[in-house]
Amino acid sequence: MEHRDKENKVVKRYQQDEQMMILIYAQWCVNHNLSPTALYRQAYPDQWENEALADALSLTVPKEDEQEISTDTVLQVLQLFGNDDLGFIVQ
């Protein structure tokens, strides 16, 4: 049972980190007057709906209320999660 608990914790942590990556990407888009959904569709045209991205969009704030997120930061977090196609579009 202990092994399964550790696995569950690792999976949960990964999911939380992935949600943070999506939020960083979405907020960066808002800060640059870009549509996160449109860029995502350019990178992944076969994936029409992304519930995690929709959830993240609901958490973004107006760019006037947010500190700058550098493009390098966005590219790094996208790369950590294997979103190279999206990173290419961002760049």
Protein backbone atom coordinates (compact mmCIF):
# COMPACT_ATOMS: atom_id res chain seq x y z
CA MET A 1 0.00 0.00 0.00
CA GLU A 2 2.83 2.41 0.76
CA HIS A 3 4.24 2.04 -2.76
CA ARG A 4 0.84 2.87 -4.27
CA ASP A 5 0.57 5.97 -2.05
CA LYS A 6 3.95 7.20 -3.30
CA GLU A 7 2.89 6.61 -6.90
CA ASN A 8 -0.33 8.52 -6.32
CA LYS A 9 1.59 11.44 -4.79
CA VAL A 10 3.98 11.54 -7.74
CA VAL A 11 1.10 11.51 -10.22
CA LYS A 12 -0.76 14.22 -8.31
CA ARG A 13 2.37 16.41 -8.14
CA TYR A 14 2.95 15.98 -11.88
CA GLN A 15 -0.65 17.00 -12.60
CA GLN A 16 -0.31 20.07 -10.38
CA ASP A 17 2.92 21.06 -12.09
CA GLU A 18 1.32 20.54 -15.50
CA GLN A 19 -1.59 22.79 -14.49
CA MET A 20 0.91 25.46 -13.44
CA MET A 21 2.67 25.17 -16.81
CA ILE A 22 -0.63 25.66 -18.61
CA LEU A 23 -1.47 28.67 -16.43
CA ILE A 24 1.93 30.25 -17.11
CA TYR A 25 1.40 29.74 -20.84
CA ALA A 26 -2.14 31.15 -20.74
CA GLN A 27 -1.11 34.19 -18.70
CA TRP A 28 1.85 34.86 -21.02
CA CYS A 29 -0.60 34.84 -23.94
CA VAL A 30 -2.95 37.25 -22.16
CA ASN A 31 0.00 39.52 -21.36
CA HIS A 32 0.94 39.60 -25.06
CA ASN A 33 -2.63 40.00 -26.39
CA LEU A 34 -2.54 36.53 -27.94
CA SER A 35 -5.18 33.85 -27.92
CA PRO A 36 -3.90 30.82 -25.97
CA THR A 37 -6.45 28.63 -27.71
CA ALA A 38 -5.50 29.81 -31.21
CA LEU A 39 -1.78 29.24 -30.60
CA TYR A 40 -2.51 25.84 -29.10
CA ARG A 41 -4.55 24.86 -32.17
CA GLN A 42 -1.68 25.92 -34.45
CA ALA A 43 0.66 23.63 -32.55
CA TYR A 44 -1.80 20.77 -32.13
CA PRO A 45 -4.41 21.00 -34.92
CA ASP A 46 -5.83 17.54 -34.16
CA GLN A 47 -6.68 18.48 -30.56
CA TRP A 48 -9.73 20.73 -30.63
CA GLU A 49 -10.72 20.85 -27.00
CA ASN A 50 -8.34 21.26 -24.10
CA GLU A 51 -10.20 21.34 -20.81
CA ALA A 52 -7.04 22.13 -18.82
CA LEU A 53 -6.40 25.19 -21.00
CA ALA A 54 -9.99 26.35 -20.58
CA ASP A 55 -9.64 25.96 -16.81
CA ALA A 56 -6.37 27.92 -16.84
CA LEU A 57 -7.94 30.72 -18.86
CA SER A 58 -10.50 31.19 -16.12
CA LEU A 59 -7.62 31.82 -13.70
CA THR A 60 -5.76 34.41 -15.75
CA VAL A 61 -5.85 38.07 -14.82
CA PRO A 62 -5.72 41.20 -16.98
CA LYS A 63 -2.19 41.94 -18.11
CA GLU A 64 -2.25 45.21 -16.17
CA ASP A 65 -2.60 43.21 -12.94
CA GLU A 66 0.11 40.65 -13.66
CA GLN A 67 3.89 40.80 -13.55
CA GLU A 68 5.71 40.16 -16.79
CA ILE A 69 6.34 36.53 -17.68
CA SER A 70 9.35 36.23 -19.94
CA THR A 71 9.19 34.27 -23.16
CA ASP A 72 12.19 32.28 -21.96
CA THR A 73 10.25 31.18 -18.88
CA VAL A 74 7.31 30.04 -20.99
CA LEU A 75 9.60 28.15 -23.36
CA GLN A 76 11.37 26.43 -20.46
CA VAL A 77 8.18 25.21 -18.80
CA LEU A 78 6.72 24.07 -22.11
CA GLN A 79 9.90 22.14 -22.84
CA LEU A 80 9.83 20.49 -19.40
CA PHE A 81 6.49 18.94 -20.31
CA GLY A 82 7.41 18.01 -23.87
CA ASN A 83 5.33 20.71 -25.54
CA ASP A 84 7.96 21.39 -28.17
CA ASP A 85 5.43 22.09 -30.93
CA LEU A 86 3.73 24.73 -28.80
CA GLY A 87 7.12 26.15 -27.83
CA PHE A 88 7.95 26.53 -31.52
CA ILE A 89 4.75 28.52 -32.07
CA VAL A 90 5.44 30.68 -29.00
CA GLN A 91 8.94 31.43 -30.20
